[in-house]
Amino acid sequence: MTMRGTDENQEFNVRKSLLFPVNSKNELFIQDRRGYKKPDWGFFGGSIEAGENPLDAMIRESKEELNLDLKEEDLTYLGTSATEWDGSSIIRHLYLYPTEQINFDVREGKGGRWLSFEEVRKRMDDQDRFDEVVALIQQYRAR
């Protein structure tokens, strides 16, 4: 598995990179979007721009949304999650960010919150996809 990620062999009309800040207490830092955009709770990250690879998009989005100056070695590429929704074919490149940072400079939405995986799952609209992410995080940590 590469750090940069690729989706060159498949057709997707929506390409995203998502960040999963996780601490040693098995808590995930998620975005509070209530009153900002739907869904109410989500992950940090966003669209991969034309000419950009997934890693570069993740580094850019981390700076835009959390004011983080991440480098490739700060992140672990977990893989991809692909879905079809509302006529779109979506691929999400998933990046683990192990950290003990307590507070973040959240620049979009209402802020963020450290929550246990179970608490995050309760807030997610797409619980099956979140279960897939947790499984990837647990597989990585079991190595």
N, C-alpha and C. Protein backbone atom coordinates (compact mmCIF):
# COMPACT_ATOMS: atom_id res chain seq x y z
N MET A 1 0.85 -1.17 0.00
CA MET A 1 0.00 0.00 0.00
C MET A 1 0.90 1.24 0.00
N THR A 2 0.59 2.18 -0.85
CA THR A 2 1.42 3.38 -0.94
C THR A 2 0.88 4.48 -0.05
N MET A 3 1.74 5.43 0.27
CA MET A 3 1.31 6.59 1.05
C MET A 3 0.45 7.52 0.21
N ARG A 4 0.79 7.65 -1.05
CA ARG A 4 0.12 8.65 -1.87
C ARG A 4 -1.27 8.24 -2.29
N GLY A 5 -1.51 6.98 -2.50
CA GLY A 5 -2.83 6.53 -2.93
C GLY A 5 -3.05 6.78 -4.41
N THR A 6 -3.85 5.94 -5.01
CA THR A 6 -4.13 6.09 -6.43
C THR A 6 -5.53 5.58 -6.73
N ASP A 7 -6.15 6.17 -7.72
CA ASP A 7 -7.42 5.66 -8.22
C ASP A 7 -7.40 5.75 -9.74
N GLU A 8 -6.19 5.65 -10.31
CA GLU A 8 -5.99 5.84 -11.74
C GLU A 8 -6.67 4.78 -12.59
N ASN A 9 -6.90 3.59 -12.06
CA ASN A 9 -7.45 2.50 -12.85
C ASN A 9 -8.97 2.42 -12.78
N GLN A 10 -9.61 3.32 -12.09
CA GLN A 10 -11.06 3.30 -11.97
C GLN A 10 -11.61 4.70 -12.24
N GLU A 11 -12.86 4.72 -12.66
CA GLU A 11 -13.51 5.99 -12.96
C GLU A 11 -14.33 6.47 -11.76
N PHE A 12 -13.95 7.60 -11.24
CA PHE A 12 -14.69 8.23 -10.15
C PHE A 12 -14.89 9.70 -10.51
N ASN A 13 -16.11 10.19 -10.37
CA ASN A 13 -16.32 11.61 -10.67
C ASN A 13 -16.22 12.48 -9.42
N VAL A 14 -16.07 11.85 -8.24
CA VAL A 14 -15.83 12.60 -7.00
C VAL A 14 -14.66 11.92 -6.30
N ARG A 15 -13.61 12.69 -6.04
CA ARG A 15 -12.40 12.17 -5.38
C ARG A 15 -12.13 13.01 -4.15
N LYS A 16 -11.96 12.33 -2.99
CA LYS A 16 -11.75 13.04 -1.74
C LYS A 16 -10.60 12.41 -0.95
N SER A 17 -10.00 13.21 -0.07
CA SER A 17 -9.04 12.73 0.92
C SER A 17 -9.57 13.10 2.29
N LEU A 18 -9.59 12.13 3.21
CA LEU A 18 -10.14 12.36 4.54
C LEU A 18 -9.10 12.05 5.61
N LEU A 19 -9.13 12.87 6.66
CA LEU A 19 -8.17 12.77 7.77
C LEU A 19 -8.86 12.18 9.00
N PHE A 20 -8.15 11.24 9.65
CA PHE A 20 -8.66 10.61 10.87
C PHE A 20 -7.64 10.80 11.99
N PRO A 21 -7.72 11.94 12.72
CA PRO A 21 -6.85 12.13 13.87
C PRO A 21 -7.30 11.19 14.99
N VAL A 22 -6.40 10.32 15.44
CA VAL A 22 -6.72 9.34 16.48
C VAL A 22 -5.66 9.42 17.56
N ASN A 23 -6.12 9.40 18.83
CA ASN A 23 -5.16 9.44 19.94
C ASN A 23 -5.02 8.06 20.57
N SER A 24 -4.16 7.97 21.58
CA SER A 24 -3.88 6.69 22.22
C SER A 24 -5.05 6.17 23.07
N LYS A 25 -6.07 7.01 23.30
CA LYS A 25 -7.26 6.59 24.04
C LYS A 25 -8.34 6.04 23.10
N ASN A 26 -7.96 5.81 21.83
CA ASN A 26 -8.92 5.36 20.81
C ASN A 26 -10.06 6.34 20.64
N GLU A 27 -9.70 7.61 20.63
CA GLU A 27 -10.66 8.65 20.33
C GLU A 27 -10.32 9.26 18.97
N LEU A 28 -11.36 9.69 18.29
CA LEU A 28 -11.24 10.29 16.98
C LEU A 28 -11.70 11.74 17.06
N PHE A 29 -10.95 12.64 16.46
CA PHE A 29 -11.33 14.05 16.43
C PHE A 29 -12.17 14.28 15.18
N ILE A 30 -13.46 14.64 15.39
CA ILE A 30 -14.36 14.82 14.25
C ILE A 30 -14.89 16.25 14.20
N GLN A 31 -15.39 16.62 13.05
CA GLN A 31 -15.87 17.97 12.80
C GLN A 31 -17.34 18.10 13.19
N ASP A 32 -17.64 19.15 13.93
CA ASP A 32 -19.02 19.50 14.29
C ASP A 32 -19.51 20.48 13.22
N ARG A 33 -20.43 20.02 12.38
CA ARG A 33 -20.93 20.83 11.26
C ARG A 33 -22.34 21.34 11.49
N ARG A 34 -22.89 21.11 12.68
CA ARG A 34 -24.28 21.51 12.92
C ARG A 34 -24.48 22.98 12.60
N GLY A 35 -25.48 23.25 11.76
CA GLY A 35 -25.77 24.62 11.36
C GLY A 35 -24.85 25.15 10.28
N TYR A 36 -23.86 24.36 9.86
CA TYR A 36 -22.89 24.79 8.85
C TYR A 36 -23.16 24.09 7.53
N LYS A 37 -23.19 22.74 7.57
CA LYS A 37 -23.54 21.94 6.40
C LYS A 37 -23.86 20.53 6.85
N LYS A 38 -24.51 19.79 5.99
CA LYS A 38 -24.87 18.41 6.28
C LYS A 38 -23.75 17.48 5.79
N PRO A 39 -23.57 16.35 6.40
CA PRO A 39 -24.21 15.91 7.63
C PRO A 39 -23.71 16.71 8.83
N ASP A 40 -24.41 16.62 9.94
CA ASP A 40 -24.08 17.40 11.13
C ASP A 40 -22.69 17.11 11.68
N TRP A 41 -22.24 15.87 11.56
CA TRP A 41 -20.91 15.46 12.04
C TRP A 41 -20.17 14.83 10.87
N GLY A 42 -18.88 15.09 10.77
CA GLY A 42 -18.13 14.52 9.65
C GLY A 42 -16.64 14.51 9.92
N PHE A 43 -15.93 14.14 8.89
CA PHE A 43 -14.47 14.03 8.95
C PHE A 43 -13.84 15.24 8.29
N PHE A 44 -12.64 15.54 8.68
CA PHE A 44 -11.90 16.63 8.06
C PHE A 44 -11.30 16.14 6.75
N GLY A 45 -11.22 17.04 5.79
CA GLY A 45 -10.70 16.71 4.47
C GLY A 45 -11.61 17.26 3.42
N GLY A 46 -11.38 16.85 2.19
CA GLY A 46 -12.22 17.36 1.12
C GLY A 46 -11.78 16.89 -0.24
N SER A 47 -12.23 17.61 -1.24
CA SER A 47 -12.02 17.22 -2.63
C SER A 47 -10.57 17.31 -3.07
N ILE A 48 -10.20 16.38 -3.92
CA ILE A 48 -8.88 16.39 -4.56
C ILE A 48 -9.01 17.25 -5.80
N GLU A 49 -8.21 18.28 -5.89
CA GLU A 49 -8.28 19.21 -7.01
C GLU A 49 -7.58 18.64 -8.24
N ALA A 50 -7.92 19.18 -9.41
CA ALA A 50 -7.32 18.74 -10.67
C ALA A 50 -5.79 18.85 -10.58
N GLY A 51 -5.10 17.79 -10.99
CA GLY A 51 -3.65 17.77 -10.98
C GLY A 51 -3.05 17.45 -9.62
N GLU A 52 -3.87 17.23 -8.62
CA GLU A 52 -3.41 16.98 -7.26
C GLU A 52 -3.53 15.48 -6.97
N ASN A 53 -2.55 14.93 -6.22
CA ASN A 53 -2.68 13.54 -5.79
C ASN A 53 -3.35 13.52 -4.41
N PRO A 54 -3.83 12.35 -3.97
CA PRO A 54 -4.55 12.28 -2.69
C PRO A 54 -3.74 12.78 -1.49
N LEU A 55 -2.44 12.48 -1.43
CA LEU A 55 -1.62 12.93 -0.30
C LEU A 55 -1.51 14.45 -0.29
N ASP A 56 -1.22 15.04 -1.44
CA ASP A 56 -1.12 16.50 -1.49
C ASP A 56 -2.44 17.16 -1.10
N ALA A 57 -3.57 16.57 -1.52
CA ALA A 57 -4.88 17.09 -1.15
C ALA A 57 -5.07 17.01 0.37
N MET A 58 -4.62 15.90 0.97
CA MET A 58 -4.78 15.73 2.42
C MET A 58 -3.96 16.77 3.17
N ILE A 59 -2.75 17.01 2.72
CA ILE A 59 -1.90 18.01 3.36
C ILE A 59 -2.52 19.40 3.21
N ARG A 60 -3.02 19.72 2.03
CA ARG A 60 -3.66 21.04 1.80
C ARG A 60 -4.91 21.19 2.64
N GLU A 61 -5.77 20.18 2.63
CA GLU A 61 -7.02 20.24 3.39
C GLU A 61 -6.76 20.34 4.89
N SER A 62 -5.73 19.65 5.38
CA SER A 62 -5.38 19.72 6.81
C SER A 62 -4.97 21.13 7.21
N LYS A 63 -4.28 21.81 6.31
CA LYS A 63 -3.89 23.19 6.57
C LYS A 63 -5.11 24.11 6.53
N GLU A 64 -5.97 23.93 5.51
CA GLU A 64 -7.15 24.78 5.37
C GLU A 64 -8.15 24.61 6.52
N GLU A 65 -8.37 23.38 6.94
CA GLU A 65 -9.42 23.12 7.91
C GLU A 65 -8.95 23.09 9.36
N LEU A 66 -7.68 22.73 9.59
CA LEU A 66 -7.18 22.59 10.96
C LEU A 66 -5.91 23.37 11.23
N ASN A 67 -5.43 24.11 10.24
CA ASN A 67 -4.20 24.88 10.36
C ASN A 67 -3.01 23.99 10.77
N LEU A 68 -2.99 22.76 10.25
CA LEU A 68 -1.90 21.83 10.52
C LEU A 68 -0.88 21.88 9.39
N ASP A 69 0.38 21.80 9.73
CA ASP A 69 1.46 21.73 8.74
C ASP A 69 1.97 20.29 8.72
N LEU A 70 1.17 19.41 8.11
CA LEU A 70 1.52 17.99 8.08
C LEU A 70 2.49 17.69 6.96
N LYS A 71 3.27 16.64 7.19
CA LYS A 71 4.19 16.11 6.18
C LYS A 71 3.79 14.66 5.93
N GLU A 72 4.28 14.11 4.85
CA GLU A 72 3.95 12.74 4.49
C GLU A 72 4.20 11.77 5.64
N GLU A 73 5.31 11.96 6.36
CA GLU A 73 5.65 11.03 7.44
C GLU A 73 4.73 11.14 8.65
N ASP A 74 3.90 12.18 8.72
CA ASP A 74 2.93 12.33 9.81
C ASP A 74 1.68 11.48 9.60
N LEU A 75 1.50 11.00 8.39
CA LEU A 75 0.26 10.33 8.00
C LEU A 75 0.51 8.87 7.64
N THR A 76 -0.50 8.06 7.85
CA THR A 76 -0.47 6.67 7.41
C THR A 76 -1.66 6.47 6.47
N TYR A 77 -1.35 6.00 5.27
CA TYR A 77 -2.40 5.76 4.29
C TYR A 77 -3.11 4.46 4.63
N LEU A 78 -4.43 4.53 4.87
CA LEU A 78 -5.21 3.35 5.25
C LEU A 78 -5.84 2.65 4.07
N GLY A 79 -5.98 3.33 2.95
CA GLY A 79 -6.63 2.75 1.78
C GLY A 79 -7.76 3.64 1.31
N THR A 80 -8.71 3.01 0.62
CA THR A 80 -9.80 3.77 0.02
C THR A 80 -11.15 3.18 0.44
N SER A 81 -12.15 4.02 0.29
CA SER A 81 -13.55 3.62 0.45
C SER A 81 -14.29 4.19 -0.75
N ALA A 82 -14.95 3.32 -1.49
CA ALA A 82 -15.66 3.74 -2.70
C ALA A 82 -17.15 3.50 -2.52
N THR A 83 -17.95 4.47 -2.96
CA THR A 83 -19.41 4.35 -2.88
C THR A 83 -20.05 4.99 -4.10
N GLU A 84 -21.27 4.59 -4.34
CA GLU A 84 -22.14 5.23 -5.33
C GLU A 84 -23.22 5.94 -4.54
N TRP A 85 -23.44 7.21 -4.84
CA TRP A 85 -24.47 7.96 -4.13
C TRP A 85 -25.02 9.06 -5.01
N ASP A 86 -26.32 9.11 -5.15
CA ASP A 86 -27.00 10.18 -5.86
C ASP A 86 -26.41 10.41 -7.25
N GLY A 87 -26.11 9.32 -7.95
CA GLY A 87 -25.58 9.42 -9.31
C GLY A 87 -24.09 9.69 -9.40
N SER A 88 -23.41 9.76 -8.27
CA SER A 88 -21.97 10.01 -8.27
C SER A 88 -21.21 8.75 -7.85
N SER A 89 -20.07 8.58 -8.44
CA SER A 89 -19.14 7.52 -8.06
C SER A 89 -18.03 8.17 -7.26
N ILE A 90 -17.96 7.84 -5.96
CA ILE A 90 -17.10 8.57 -5.02
C ILE A 90 -16.00 7.65 -4.49
N ILE A 91 -14.78 8.16 -4.52
CA ILE A 91 -13.68 7.46 -3.86
C ILE A 91 -13.11 8.39 -2.79
N ARG A 92 -12.88 7.79 -1.63
CA ARG A 92 -12.31 8.54 -0.51
C ARG A 92 -10.99 7.89 -0.13
N HIS A 93 -9.92 8.66 -0.13
CA HIS A 93 -8.61 8.20 0.32
C HIS A 93 -8.52 8.52 1.81
N LEU A 94 -8.19 7.52 2.60
CA LEU A 94 -8.27 7.62 4.05
C LEU A 94 -6.88 7.68 4.67
N TYR A 95 -6.66 8.70 5.51
CA TYR A 95 -5.36 8.91 6.15
C TYR A 95 -5.50 8.96 7.66
N LEU A 96 -4.73 8.13 8.32
CA LEU A 96 -4.65 8.12 9.78
C LEU A 96 -3.61 9.15 10.21
N TYR A 97 -3.97 9.94 11.22
CA TYR A 97 -3.05 10.90 11.81
C TYR A 97 -2.97 10.62 13.30
N PRO A 98 -2.01 9.77 13.72
CA PRO A 98 -1.85 9.50 15.15
C PRO A 98 -1.34 10.75 15.86
N THR A 99 -2.03 11.17 16.90
CA THR A 99 -1.64 12.42 17.57
C THR A 99 -2.14 12.44 19.01
N GLU A 100 -1.42 13.15 19.83
CA GLU A 100 -1.87 13.41 21.20
C GLU A 100 -2.24 14.88 21.38
N GLN A 101 -2.29 15.60 20.27
CA GLN A 101 -2.70 17.01 20.31
C GLN A 101 -4.12 17.10 20.88
N ILE A 102 -4.33 17.99 21.82
CA ILE A 102 -5.64 18.08 22.49
C ILE A 102 -6.57 19.04 21.75
N ASN A 103 -6.07 20.20 21.40
CA ASN A 103 -6.88 21.22 20.75
C ASN A 103 -6.39 21.48 19.34
N PHE A 104 -7.33 21.76 18.46
CA PHE A 104 -7.03 22.08 17.07
C PHE A 104 -7.64 23.43 16.73
N ASP A 105 -7.05 24.10 15.77
CA ASP A 105 -7.56 25.37 15.26
C ASP A 105 -8.53 25.05 14.12
N VAL A 106 -9.76 24.69 14.46
CA VAL A 106 -10.76 24.28 13.47
C VAL A 106 -11.26 25.53 12.75
N ARG A 107 -11.13 25.52 11.43
CA ARG A 107 -11.46 26.70 10.64
C ARG A 107 -12.73 26.57 9.80
N GLU A 108 -13.42 25.42 9.93
CA GLU A 108 -14.69 25.22 9.23
C GLU A 108 -15.68 24.59 10.19
N GLY A 109 -16.93 24.99 10.08
CA GLY A 109 -17.96 24.44 10.94
C GLY A 109 -17.94 25.07 12.32
N LYS A 110 -18.53 24.37 13.28
CA LYS A 110 -18.64 24.86 14.66
C LYS A 110 -17.44 24.46 15.51
N GLY A 111 -16.58 23.64 14.98
CA GLY A 111 -15.43 23.18 15.74
C GLY A 111 -15.25 21.69 15.59
N GLY A 112 -14.64 21.08 16.58
CA GLY A 112 -14.42 19.65 16.55
C GLY A 112 -14.47 19.09 17.95
N ARG A 113 -14.48 17.78 18.03
CA ARG A 113 -14.59 17.14 19.33
C ARG A 113 -13.90 15.77 19.29
N TRP A 114 -13.15 15.48 20.37
CA TRP A 114 -12.60 14.15 20.57
C TRP A 114 -13.70 13.25 21.11
N LEU A 115 -13.97 12.14 20.43
CA LEU A 115 -14.99 11.20 20.85
C LEU A 115 -14.50 9.77 20.68
N SER A 116 -15.01 8.87 21.50
CA SER A 116 -14.69 7.45 21.32
C SER A 116 -15.27 6.98 19.99
N PHE A 117 -14.74 5.87 19.47
CA PHE A 117 -15.26 5.34 18.20
C PHE A 117 -16.77 5.11 18.30
N GLU A 118 -17.23 4.58 19.42
CA GLU A 118 -18.67 4.30 19.59
C GLU A 118 -19.47 5.60 19.59
N GLU A 119 -18.97 6.64 20.24
CA GLU A 119 -19.67 7.92 20.25
C GLU A 119 -19.71 8.53 18.85
N VAL A 120 -18.61 8.40 18.10
CA VAL A 120 -18.58 8.90 16.72
C VAL A 120 -19.62 8.15 15.89
N ARG A 121 -19.63 6.83 16.03
CA ARG A 121 -20.56 6.01 15.24
C ARG A 121 -22.01 6.46 15.45
N LYS A 122 -22.38 6.81 16.67
CA LYS A 122 -23.74 7.25 16.96
C LYS A 122 -24.09 8.55 16.24
N ARG A 123 -23.10 9.37 15.95
CA ARG A 123 -23.34 10.67 15.31
C ARG A 123 -23.30 10.60 13.78
N MET A 124 -22.74 9.53 13.23
CA MET A 124 -22.56 9.42 11.79
C MET A 124 -23.86 9.03 11.09
N ASP A 125 -24.11 9.65 9.94
CA ASP A 125 -25.24 9.26 9.10
C ASP A 125 -24.98 7.92 8.43
N ASP A 126 -23.74 7.67 8.05
CA ASP A 126 -23.37 6.46 7.32
C ASP A 126 -22.54 5.56 8.24
N GLN A 127 -23.22 4.83 9.10
CA GLN A 127 -22.52 4.04 10.12
C GLN A 127 -21.74 2.88 9.52
N ASP A 128 -22.24 2.28 8.43
CA ASP A 128 -21.52 1.17 7.81
C ASP A 128 -20.16 1.62 7.30
N ARG A 129 -20.11 2.78 6.68
CA ARG A 129 -18.83 3.29 6.17
C ARG A 129 -17.90 3.62 7.33
N PHE A 130 -18.43 4.13 8.43
CA PHE A 130 -17.59 4.40 9.59
C PHE A 130 -17.03 3.11 10.16
N ASP A 131 -17.82 2.05 10.19
CA ASP A 131 -17.33 0.76 10.67
C ASP A 131 -16.16 0.27 9.81
N GLU A 132 -16.22 0.54 8.52
CA GLU A 132 -15.13 0.19 7.61
C GLU A 132 -13.86 0.95 7.98
N VAL A 133 -13.98 2.21 8.30
CA VAL A 133 -12.83 3.04 8.70
C VAL A 133 -12.23 2.52 10.00
N VAL A 134 -13.07 2.22 10.99
CA VAL A 134 -12.58 1.71 12.27
C VAL A 134 -11.84 0.39 12.06
N ALA A 135 -12.36 -0.46 11.21
CA ALA A 135 -11.69 -1.73 10.93
C ALA A 135 -10.30 -1.49 10.33
N LEU A 136 -10.17 -0.53 9.43
CA LEU A 136 -8.86 -0.22 8.84
C LEU A 136 -7.90 0.33 9.90
N ILE A 137 -8.39 1.19 10.78
CA ILE A 137 -7.54 1.73 11.86
C ILE A 137 -7.09 0.61 12.78
N GLN A 138 -7.99 -0.28 13.14
CA GLN A 138 -7.64 -1.39 14.03
C GLN A 138 -6.66 -2.36 13.36
N GLN A 139 -6.83 -2.61 12.07
CA GLN A 139 -5.88 -3.47 11.33
C GLN A 139 -4.49 -2.85 11.35
N TYR A 140 -4.42 -1.55 11.13
CA TYR A 140 -3.11 -0.88 11.14
C TYR A 140 -2.47 -0.98 12.52
N ARG A 141 -3.24 -0.74 13.55
CA ARG A 141 -2.70 -0.75 14.92
C ARG A 141 -2.29 -2.15 15.37
N ALA A 142 -2.88 -3.19 14.79
CA ALA A 142 -2.56 -4.57 15.16
C ALA A 142 -1.24 -5.05 14.55
N ARG A 143 -0.71 -4.30 13.63
CA ARG A 143 0.57 -4.71 12.97
C ARG A 143 1.72 -4.68 13.92
